[in-house]
Amino acid sequence: MATDYDAPRKTDEELSEDSIEELKTRRNDKNSGKVDEDEVEAAESFELPGADLSHEELTVKVLPRQANEFTCASCFLVKSQSQLAETKDGLPYCVDCV
C-alpha cells in the first residue's frame, strides 16, 4: 500500500481539539509548575540581612595598595597603573570609568 506523505494526517479541527484537551490536563495537574527543590538545603545557603557573623573569619588576606596601583576616583576600585586613563582634571580614573 502506498503512503502519501504530503497529505495531512489530522485536520486542523482535530489538532485544535487535541491541544485544548492537553491544556486542560496540564491545568488540572497541580505539580506541573512546581520545581523539585529541597527547602532545607535552600535555607542553609540563604543568609538574612543583619545576621550574626561574629563567629566567621576572613579567608582572604587583605593587602594595602601597592606602589604600582591607584584608586579610581569614580568607582573607588584599586587598579593597576596600566588601567590609568589620562584626564584633564588630574584625578586618577580607570579606563572603564572614563
PDB file of N, CA and C in Angstrom:
ATOM      1  N   MET A   1       0.834  -1.167   0.000  1.00  0.00           N
ATOM      2  CA  MET A   1       0.000   0.000   0.000  1.00  0.00           C
ATOM      3  C   MET A   1       0.890   1.246   0.000  1.00  0.00           C
ATOM      4  N   ALA A   2       0.622   2.166  -0.865  1.00  0.00           N
ATOM      5  CA  ALA A   2       1.408   3.391  -0.976  1.00  0.00           C
ATOM      6  C   ALA A   2       0.914   4.420   0.027  1.00  0.00           C
ATOM      7  N   THR A   3       1.859   5.204   0.595  1.00  0.00           N
ATOM      8  CA  THR A   3       1.519   6.239   1.572  1.00  0.00           C
ATOM      9  C   THR A   3       1.828   7.606   0.995  1.00  0.00           C
ATOM     10  N   ASP A   4       0.871   8.491   1.085  1.00  0.00           N
ATOM     11  CA  ASP A   4       1.068   9.859   0.628  1.00  0.00           C
ATOM     12  C   ASP A   4       1.570  10.684   1.817  1.00  0.00           C
ATOM     13  N   TYR A   5       2.867  10.998   1.834  1.00  0.00           N
ATOM     14  CA  TYR A   5       3.448  11.721   2.953  1.00  0.00           C
ATOM     15  C   TYR A   5       3.095  13.210   2.941  1.00  0.00           C
ATOM     16  N   ASP A   6       2.615  13.735   1.849  1.00  0.00           N
ATOM     17  CA  ASP A   6       2.239  15.134   1.766  1.00  0.00           C
ATOM     18  C   ASP A   6       0.833  15.390   2.295  1.00  0.00           C
ATOM     19  N   ALA A   7       0.029  14.360   2.421  1.00  0.00           N
ATOM     20  CA  ALA A   7      -1.347  14.524   2.887  1.00  0.00           C
ATOM     21  C   ALA A   7      -1.343  14.747   4.398  1.00  0.00           C
ATOM     22  N   PRO A   8      -2.180  15.682   4.893  1.00  0.00           N
ATOM     23  CA  PRO A   8      -2.241  15.906   6.349  1.00  0.00           C
ATOM     24  C   PRO A   8      -2.817  14.681   7.054  1.00  0.00           C
ATOM     25  N   ARG A   9      -2.249  14.359   8.177  1.00  0.00           N
ATOM     26  CA  ARG A   9      -2.699  13.186   8.911  1.00  0.00           C
ATOM     27  C   ARG A   9      -3.914  13.505   9.764  1.00  0.00           C
ATOM     28  N   LYS A  10      -3.996  14.753  10.243  1.00  0.00           N
ATOM     29  CA  LYS A  10      -5.154  15.182  11.018  1.00  0.00           C
ATOM     30  C   LYS A  10      -5.608  16.515  10.448  1.00  0.00           C
ATOM     31  N   THR A  11      -6.887  16.758  10.587  1.00  0.00           N
ATOM     32  CA  THR A  11      -7.402  18.044  10.125  1.00  0.00           C
ATOM     33  C   THR A  11      -7.074  19.115  11.167  1.00  0.00           C
ATOM     34  N   ASP A  12      -7.227  20.378  10.787  1.00  0.00           N
ATOM     35  CA  ASP A  12      -6.956  21.474  11.710  1.00  0.00           C
ATOM     36  C   ASP A  12      -7.874  21.420  12.926  1.00  0.00           C
ATOM     37  N   GLU A  13      -9.102  20.996  12.713  1.00  0.00           N
ATOM     38  CA  GLU A  13     -10.057  20.897  13.816  1.00  0.00           C
ATOM     39  C   GLU A  13      -9.606  19.836  14.819  1.00  0.00           C
ATOM     40  N   GLU A  14      -9.129  18.712  14.350  1.00  0.00           N
ATOM     41  CA  GLU A  14      -8.648  17.656  15.239  1.00  0.00           C
ATOM     42  C   GLU A  14      -7.417  18.105  16.009  1.00  0.00           C
ATOM     43  N   LEU A  15      -6.524  18.846  15.348  1.00  0.00           N
ATOM     44  CA  LEU A  15      -5.328  19.336  16.022  1.00  0.00           C
ATOM     45  C   LEU A  15      -5.679  20.310  17.140  1.00  0.00           C
ATOM     46  N   SER A  16      -6.643  21.202  16.911  1.00  0.00           N
ATOM     47  CA  SER A  16      -7.023  22.164  17.943  1.00  0.00           C
ATOM     48  C   SER A  16      -7.725  21.465  19.104  1.00  0.00           C
ATOM     49  N   GLU A  17      -8.497  20.424  18.821  1.00  0.00           N
ATOM     50  CA  GLU A  17      -9.142  19.675  19.894  1.00  0.00           C
ATOM     51  C   GLU A  17      -8.112  18.983  20.767  1.00  0.00           C
ATOM     52  N   ASP A  18      -7.090  18.422  20.132  1.00  0.00           N
ATOM     53  CA  ASP A  18      -6.045  17.758  20.898  1.00  0.00           C
ATOM     54  C   ASP A  18      -5.325  18.750  21.806  1.00  0.00           C
ATOM     55  N   SER A  19      -5.020  19.917  21.296  1.00  0.00           N
ATOM     56  CA  SER A  19      -4.276  20.869  22.098  1.00  0.00           C
ATOM     57  C   SER A  19      -5.129  21.418  23.242  1.00  0.00           C
ATOM     58  N   ILE A  20      -6.427  21.597  23.041  1.00  0.00           N
ATOM     59  CA  ILE A  20      -7.295  22.070  24.110  1.00  0.00           C
ATOM     60  C   ILE A  20      -7.376  21.023  25.210  1.00  0.00           C
ATOM     61  N   GLU A  21      -7.529  19.770  24.817  1.00  0.00           N
ATOM     62  CA  GLU A  21      -7.576  18.700  25.809  1.00  0.00           C
ATOM     63  C   GLU A  21      -6.251  18.609  26.574  1.00  0.00           C
ATOM     64  N   GLU A  22      -5.159  18.780  25.870  1.00  0.00           N
ATOM     65  CA  GLU A  22      -3.851  18.732  26.515  1.00  0.00           C
ATOM     66  C   GLU A  22      -3.696  19.871  27.519  1.00  0.00           C
ATOM     67  N   LEU A  23      -4.163  21.059  27.162  1.00  0.00           N
ATOM     68  CA  LEU A  23      -4.103  22.199  28.082  1.00  0.00           C
ATOM     69  C   LEU A  23      -4.964  21.976  29.316  1.00  0.00           C
ATOM     70  N   LYS A  24      -6.115  21.363  29.130  1.00  0.00           N
ATOM     71  CA  LYS A  24      -6.978  21.089  30.277  1.00  0.00           C
ATOM     72  C   LYS A  24      -6.314  20.115  31.239  1.00  0.00           C
ATOM     73  N   THR A  25      -5.646  19.099  30.709  1.00  0.00           N
ATOM     74  CA  THR A  25      -4.982  18.145  31.597  1.00  0.00           C
ATOM     75  C   THR A  25      -3.798  18.802  32.297  1.00  0.00           C
ATOM     76  N   ARG A  26      -3.101  19.690  31.628  1.00  0.00           N
ATOM     77  CA  ARG A  26      -1.981  20.391  32.274  1.00  0.00           C
ATOM     78  C   ARG A  26      -2.482  21.303  33.385  1.00  0.00           C
ATOM     79  N   ARG A  27      -3.609  21.959  33.158  1.00  0.00           N
ATOM     80  CA  ARG A  27      -4.160  22.858  34.166  1.00  0.00           C
ATOM     81  C   ARG A  27      -4.578  22.067  35.399  1.00  0.00           C
ATOM     82  N   ASN A  28      -5.115  20.876  35.201  1.00  0.00           N
ATOM     83  CA  ASN A  28      -5.555  20.053  36.322  1.00  0.00           C
ATOM     84  C   ASN A  28      -4.394  19.386  37.046  1.00  0.00           C
ATOM     85  N   ASP A  29      -3.251  19.289  36.396  1.00  0.00           N
ATOM     86  CA  ASP A  29      -2.081  18.685  37.022  1.00  0.00           C
ATOM     87  C   ASP A  29      -1.432  19.733  37.924  1.00  0.00           C
ATOM     88  N   LYS A  30      -1.584  19.579  39.223  1.00  0.00           N
ATOM     89  CA  LYS A  30      -1.130  20.597  40.160  1.00  0.00           C
ATOM     90  C   LYS A  30       0.393  20.620  40.314  1.00  0.00           C
ATOM     91  N   ASN A  31       1.085  19.567  40.001  1.00  0.00           N
ATOM     92  CA  ASN A  31       2.533  19.507  40.195  1.00  0.00           C
ATOM     93  C   ASN A  31       3.321  19.918  38.958  1.00  0.00           C
ATOM     94  N   SER A  32       2.664  20.301  37.877  1.00  0.00           N
ATOM     95  CA  SER A  32       3.384  20.591  36.642  1.00  0.00           C
ATOM     96  C   SER A  32       4.223  21.863  36.749  1.00  0.00           C
ATOM     97  N   GLY A  33       3.810  22.859  37.542  1.00  0.00           N
ATOM     98  CA  GLY A  33       4.538  24.117  37.634  1.00  0.00           C
ATOM     99  C   GLY A  33       5.522  24.164  38.775  1.00  0.00           C
ATOM    100  N   LYS A  34       5.573  23.159  39.599  1.00  0.00           N
ATOM    101  CA  LYS A  34       6.450  23.170  40.764  1.00  0.00           C
ATOM    102  C   LYS A  34       7.843  22.687  40.397  1.00  0.00           C
ATOM    103  N   VAL A  35       8.815  23.237  41.091  1.00  0.00           N
ATOM    104  CA  VAL A  35      10.201  22.842  40.904  1.00  0.00           C
ATOM    105  C   VAL A  35      10.593  21.976  42.081  1.00  0.00           C
ATOM    106  N   ASP A  36      11.243  20.865  41.792  1.00  0.00           N
ATOM    107  CA  ASP A  36      11.708  20.000  42.873  1.00  0.00           C
ATOM    108  C   ASP A  36      12.924  20.639  43.522  1.00  0.00           C
ATOM    109  N   GLU A  37      12.760  21.096  44.755  1.00  0.00           N
ATOM    110  CA  GLU A  37      13.848  21.743  45.464  1.00  0.00           C
ATOM    111  C   GLU A  37      13.781  21.352  46.928  1.00  0.00           C
ATOM    112  N   ASP A  38      14.928  21.039  47.469  1.00  0.00           N
ATOM    113  CA  ASP A  38      14.993  20.709  48.877  1.00  0.00           C
ATOM    114  C   ASP A  38      14.980  22.012  49.665  1.00  0.00           C
ATOM    115  N   GLU A  39      13.926  22.258  50.426  1.00  0.00           N
ATOM    116  CA  GLU A  39      13.770  23.514  51.140  1.00  0.00           C
ATOM    117  C   GLU A  39      14.838  23.702  52.213  1.00  0.00           C
ATOM    118  N   VAL A  40      15.233  22.631  52.865  1.00  0.00           N
ATOM    119  CA  VAL A  40      16.246  22.735  53.911  1.00  0.00           C
ATOM    120  C   VAL A  40      17.590  23.142  53.306  1.00  0.00           C
ATOM    121  N   GLU A  41      17.935  22.545  52.179  1.00  0.00           N
ATOM    122  CA  GLU A  41      19.199  22.875  51.519  1.00  0.00           C
ATOM    123  C   GLU A  41      19.202  24.330  51.045  1.00  0.00           C
ATOM    124  N   ALA A  42      18.089  24.798  50.532  1.00  0.00           N
ATOM    125  CA  ALA A  42      17.995  26.182  50.076  1.00  0.00           C
ATOM    126  C   ALA A  42      18.080  27.149  51.248  1.00  0.00           C
ATOM    127  N   ALA A  43      17.516  26.790  52.389  1.00  0.00           N
ATOM    128  CA  ALA A  43      17.533  27.666  53.556  1.00  0.00           C
ATOM    129  C   ALA A  43      18.923  27.765  54.169  1.00  0.00           C
ATOM    130  N   GLU A  44      19.729  26.706  54.063  1.00  0.00           N
ATOM    131  CA  GLU A  44      21.071  26.740  54.635  1.00  0.00           C
ATOM    132  C   GLU A  44      21.974  27.726  53.918  1.00  0.00           C
ATOM    133  N   SER A  45      21.798  27.900  52.622  1.00  0.00           N
ATOM    134  CA  SER A  45      22.652  28.801  51.870  1.00  0.00           C
ATOM    135  C   SER A  45      22.150  30.245  51.900  1.00  0.00           C
ATOM    136  N   PHE A  46      20.978  30.489  52.459  1.00  0.00           N
ATOM    137  CA  PHE A  46      20.384  31.819  52.478  1.00  0.00           C
ATOM    138  C   PHE A  46      20.707  32.492  53.799  1.00  0.00           C
ATOM    139  N   GLU A  47      21.269  33.701  53.727  1.00  0.00           N
ATOM    140  CA  GLU A  47      21.589  34.444  54.943  1.00  0.00           C
ATOM    141  C   GLU A  47      20.720  35.685  55.013  1.00  0.00           C
ATOM    142  N   LEU A  48      20.147  35.915  56.170  1.00  0.00           N
ATOM    143  CA  LEU A  48      19.304  37.080  56.370  1.00  0.00           C
ATOM    144  C   LEU A  48      20.162  38.316  56.595  1.00  0.00           C
ATOM    145  N   PRO A  49      19.688  39.488  56.161  1.00  0.00           N
ATOM    146  CA  PRO A  49      20.432  40.721  56.425  1.00  0.00           C
ATOM    147  C   PRO A  49      20.510  40.967  57.932  1.00  0.00           C
ATOM    148  N   GLY A  50      21.666  41.377  58.395  1.00  0.00           N
ATOM    149  CA  GLY A  50      21.846  41.633  59.815  1.00  0.00           C
ATOM    150  C   GLY A  50      22.101  40.378  60.619  1.00  0.00           C
ATOM    151  N   ALA A  51      22.424  39.281  59.952  1.00  0.00           N
ATOM    152  CA  ALA A  51      22.683  38.030  60.666  1.00  0.00           C
ATOM    153  C   ALA A  51      23.969  38.156  61.471  1.00  0.00           C
ATOM    154  N   ASP A  52      24.065  37.408  62.548  1.00  0.00           N
ATOM    155  CA  ASP A  52      25.239  37.439  63.414  1.00  0.00           C
ATOM    156  C   ASP A  52      26.375  36.688  62.740  1.00  0.00           C
ATOM    157  N   LEU A  53      27.385  37.412  62.307  1.00  0.00           N
ATOM    158  CA  LEU A  53      28.540  36.815  61.652  1.00  0.00           C
ATOM    159  C   LEU A  53      29.797  36.947  62.506  1.00  0.00           C
ATOM    160  N   SER A  54      29.627  37.129  63.810  1.00  0.00           N
ATOM    161  CA  SER A  54      30.773  37.354  64.688  1.00  0.00           C
ATOM    162  C   SER A  54      31.676  36.125  64.776  1.00  0.00           C
ATOM    163  N   HIS A  55      31.159  34.946  64.536  1.00  0.00           N
ATOM    164  CA  HIS A  55      31.970  33.738  64.609  1.00  0.00           C
ATOM    165  C   HIS A  55      32.695  33.435  63.288  1.00  0.00           C
ATOM    166  N   GLU A  56      32.418  34.211  62.242  1.00  0.00           N
ATOM    167  CA  GLU A  56      33.041  33.991  60.939  1.00  0.00           C
ATOM    168  C   GLU A  56      34.416  34.656  60.883  1.00  0.00           C
ATOM    169  N   GLU A  57      35.324  34.058  60.126  1.00  0.00           N
ATOM    170  CA  GLU A  57      36.653  34.618  59.943  1.00  0.00           C
ATOM    171  C   GLU A  57      36.895  34.874  58.463  1.00  0.00           C
ATOM    172  N   LEU A  58      37.719  35.885  58.163  1.00  0.00           N
ATOM    173  CA  LEU A  58      38.077  36.172  56.787  1.00  0.00           C
ATOM    174  C   LEU A  58      38.991  35.074  56.253  1.00  0.00           C
ATOM    175  N   THR A  59      38.736  34.659  55.038  1.00  0.00           N
ATOM    176  CA  THR A  59      39.604  33.660  54.421  1.00  0.00           C
ATOM    177  C   THR A  59      40.498  34.289  53.370  1.00  0.00           C
ATOM    178  N   VAL A  60      40.387  35.613  53.184  1.00  0.00           N
ATOM    179  CA  VAL A  60      41.190  36.319  52.197  1.00  0.00           C
ATOM    180  C   VAL A  60      42.085  37.301  52.928  1.00  0.00           C
ATOM    181  N   LYS A  61      43.348  37.319  52.576  1.00  0.00           N
ATOM    182  CA  LYS A  61      44.270  38.268  53.184  1.00  0.00           C
ATOM    183  C   LYS A  61      44.161  39.591  52.426  1.00  0.00           C
ATOM    184  N   VAL A  62      43.897  40.661  53.145  1.00  0.00           N
ATOM    185  CA  VAL A  62      43.745  41.978  52.548  1.00  0.00           C
ATOM    186  C   VAL A  62      45.091  42.674  52.553  1.00  0.00           C
ATOM    187  N   LEU A  63      45.520  43.133  51.372  1.00  0.00           N
ATOM    188  CA  LEU A  63      46.792  43.822  51.230  1.00  0.00           C
ATOM    189  C   LEU A  63      46.556  45.302  50.997  1.00  0.00           C
ATOM    190  N   PRO A  64      47.445  46.160  51.499  1.00  0.00           N
ATOM    191  CA  PRO A  64      47.313  47.587  51.195  1.00  0.00           C
ATOM    192  C   PRO A  64      47.654  47.857  49.735  1.00  0.00           C
ATOM    193  N   ARG A  65      47.268  49.042  49.250  1.00  0.00           N
ATOM    194  CA  ARG A  65      47.548  49.408  47.870  1.00  0.00           C
ATOM    195  C   ARG A  65      49.055  49.415  47.635  1.00  0.00           C
ATOM    196  N   GLN A  66      49.489  48.818  46.543  1.00  0.00           N
ATOM    197  CA  GLN A  66      50.906  48.712  46.204  1.00  0.00           C
ATOM    198  C   GLN A  66      51.369  49.969  45.478  1.00  0.00           C
ATOM    199  N   ALA A  67      52.664  50.090  45.272  1.00  0.00           N
ATOM    200  CA  ALA A  67      53.238  51.278  44.636  1.00  0.00           C
ATOM    201  C   ALA A  67      52.815  51.392  43.170  1.00  0.00           C
ATOM    202  N   ASN A  68      52.550  50.275  42.511  1.00  0.00           N
ATOM    203  CA  ASN A  68      52.170  50.305  41.096  1.00  0.00           C
ATOM    204  C   ASN A  68      50.652  50.259  40.900  1.00  0.00           C
ATOM    205  N   GLU A  69      49.888  50.664  41.912  1.00  0.00           N
ATOM    206  CA  GLU A  69      48.434  50.662  41.840  1.00  0.00           C
ATOM    207  C   GLU A  69      47.886  52.036  42.200  1.00  0.00           C
ATOM    208  N   PHE A  70      46.632  52.297  41.815  1.00  0.00           N
ATOM    209  CA  PHE A  70      45.959  53.541  42.164  1.00  0.00           C
ATOM    210  C   PHE A  70      44.503  53.240  42.471  1.00  0.00           C
ATOM    211  N   THR A  71      43.845  54.182  43.141  1.00  0.00           N
ATOM    212  CA  THR A  71      42.423  54.052  43.440  1.00  0.00           C
ATOM    213  C   THR A  71      41.659  54.979  42.515  1.00  0.00           C
ATOM    214  N   CYS A  72      40.730  54.423  41.759  1.00  0.00           N
ATOM    215  CA  CYS A  72      39.938  55.198  40.812  1.00  0.00           C
ATOM    216  C   CYS A  72      39.052  56.190  41.570  1.00  0.00           C
ATOM    217  N   ALA A  73      38.991  57.432  41.083  1.00  0.00           N
ATOM    218  CA  ALA A  73      38.200  58.474  41.731  1.00  0.00           C
ATOM    219  C   ALA A  73      36.702  58.303  41.464  1.00  0.00           C
ATOM    220  N   SER A  74      36.322  57.439  40.548  1.00  0.00           N
ATOM    221  CA  SER A  74      34.912  57.237  40.236  1.00  0.00           C
ATOM    222  C   SER A  74      34.359  55.964  40.869  1.00  0.00           C
ATOM    223  N   CYS A  75      34.980  54.826  40.603  1.00  0.00           N
ATOM    224  CA  CYS A  75      34.459  53.552  41.115  1.00  0.00           C
ATOM    225  C   CYS A  75      35.129  53.118  42.418  1.00  0.00           C
ATOM    226  N   PHE A  76      36.222  53.793  42.813  1.00  0.00           N
ATOM    227  CA  PHE A  76      36.946  53.540  44.060  1.00  0.00           C
ATOM    228  C   PHE A  76      37.537  52.142  44.145  1.00  0.00           C
ATOM    229  N   LEU A  77      37.799  51.539  42.998  1.00  0.00           N
ATOM    230  CA  LEU A  77      38.478  50.250  42.963  1.00  0.00           C
ATOM    231  C   LEU A  77      39.972  50.475  42.819  1.00  0.00           C
ATOM    232  N   VAL A  78      40.751  49.584  43.418  1.00  0.00           N
ATOM    233  CA  VAL A  78      42.200  49.648  43.267  1.00  0.00           C
ATOM    234  C   VAL A  78      42.557  48.943  41.975  1.00  0.00           C
ATOM    235  N   LYS A  79      43.218  49.686  41.090  1.00  0.00           N
ATOM    236  CA  LYS A  79      43.555  49.167  39.764  1.00  0.00           C
ATOM    237  C   LYS A  79      45.059  49.288  39.542  1.00  0.00           C
ATOM    238  N   SER A  80      45.534  48.542  38.554  1.00  0.00           N
ATOM    239  CA  SER A  80      46.932  48.616  38.158  1.00  0.00           C
ATOM    240  C   SER A  80      47.183  49.908  37.389  1.00  0.00           C
ATOM    241  N   GLN A  81      48.437  50.383  37.395  1.00  0.00           N
ATOM    242  CA  GLN A  81      48.786  51.611  36.674  1.00  0.00           C
ATOM    243  C   GLN A  81      48.493  51.489  35.186  1.00  0.00           C
ATOM    244  N   SER A  82      48.481  50.266  34.655  1.00  0.00           N
ATOM    245  CA  SER A  82      48.173  50.083  33.232  1.00  0.00           C
ATOM    246  C   SER A  82      46.721  50.424  32.918  1.00  0.00           C
ATOM    247  N   GLN A  83      45.856  50.506  33.929  1.00  0.00           N
ATOM    248  CA  GLN A  83      44.450  50.857  33.749  1.00  0.00           C
ATOM    249  C   GLN A  83      44.190  52.352  33.933  1.00  0.00           C
ATOM    250  N   LEU A  84      45.223  53.117  34.228  1.00  0.00           N
ATOM    251  CA  LEU A  84      45.087  54.553  34.461  1.00  0.00           C
ATOM    252  C   LEU A  84      44.810  55.274  33.153  1.00  0.00           C
ATOM    253  N   ALA A  85      43.776  56.125  33.152  1.00  0.00           N
ATOM    254  CA  ALA A  85      43.407  56.884  31.965  1.00  0.00           C
ATOM    255  C   ALA A  85      43.867  58.329  32.121  1.00  0.00           C
ATOM    256  N   GLU A  86      44.147  58.964  31.015  1.00  0.00           N
ATOM    257  CA  GLU A  86      44.537  60.375  31.029  1.00  0.00           C
ATOM    258  C   GLU A  86      43.277  61.226  31.174  1.00  0.00           C
ATOM    259  N   THR A  87      43.267  62.129  32.164  1.00  0.00           N
ATOM    260  CA  THR A  87      42.133  63.027  32.360  1.00  0.00           C
ATOM    261  C   THR A  87      42.622  64.459  32.478  1.00  0.00           C
ATOM    262  N   LYS A  88      41.746  65.414  32.238  1.00  0.00           N
ATOM    263  CA  LYS A  88      42.103  66.826  32.281  1.00  0.00           C
ATOM    264  C   LYS A  88      42.140  67.378  33.700  1.00  0.00           C
ATOM    265  N   ASP A  89      41.319  66.821  34.599  1.00  0.00           N
ATOM    266  CA  ASP A  89      41.237  67.373  35.948  1.00  0.00           C
ATOM    267  C   ASP A  89      42.319  66.867  36.896  1.00  0.00           C
ATOM    268  N   GLY A  90      43.134  65.919  36.462  1.00  0.00           N
ATOM    269  CA  GLY A  90      44.249  65.435  37.271  1.00  0.00           C
ATOM    270  C   GLY A  90      43.888  64.336  38.250  1.00  0.00           C
ATOM    271  N   LEU A  91      42.617  63.976  38.363  1.00  0.00           N
ATOM    272  CA  LEU A  91      42.220  62.891  39.257  1.00  0.00           C
ATOM    273  C   LEU A  91      42.461  61.551  38.572  1.00  0.00           C
ATOM    274  N   PRO A  92      42.818  60.554  39.348  1.00  0.00           N
ATOM    275  CA  PRO A  92      43.051  59.228  38.733  1.00  0.00           C
ATOM    276  C   PRO A  92      41.743  58.503  38.431  1.00  0.00           C
ATOM    277  N   TYR A  93      41.477  58.246  37.156  1.00  0.00           N
ATOM    278  CA  TYR A  93      40.309  57.480  36.726  1.00  0.00           C
ATOM    279  C   TYR A  93      40.802  56.263  35.950  1.00  0.00           C
ATOM    280  N   CYS A  94      40.093  55.144  36.109  1.00  0.00           N
ATOM    281  CA  CYS A  94      40.447  53.957  35.335  1.00  0.00           C
ATOM    282  C   CYS A  94      39.838  54.071  33.943  1.00  0.00           C
ATOM    283  N   VAL A  95      40.336  53.263  33.022  1.00  0.00           N
ATOM    284  CA  VAL A  95      39.855  53.320  31.639  1.00  0.00           C
ATOM    285  C   VAL A  95      38.393  52.890  31.536  1.00  0.00           C
ATOM    286  N   ASP A  96      37.899  52.100  32.478  1.00  0.00           N
ATOM    287  CA  ASP A  96      36.490  51.685  32.468  1.00  0.00           C
ATOM    288  C   ASP A  96      35.562  52.841  32.800  1.00  0.00           C
ATOM    289  N   CYS A  97      35.985  53.750  33.654  1.00  0.00           N
ATOM    290  CA  CYS A  97      35.119  54.847  34.105  1.00  0.00           C
ATOM    291  C   CYS A  97      35.207  56.068  33.190  1.00  0.00           C
ATOM    292  N   VAL A  98      36.261  56.174  32.405  1.00  0.00           N
ATOM    293  CA  VAL A  98      36.400  57.344  31.533  1.00  0.00           C
ATOM    294  C   VAL A  98      35.532  57.152  30.367  1.00  0.00           C
TER     295      VAL A  98
END
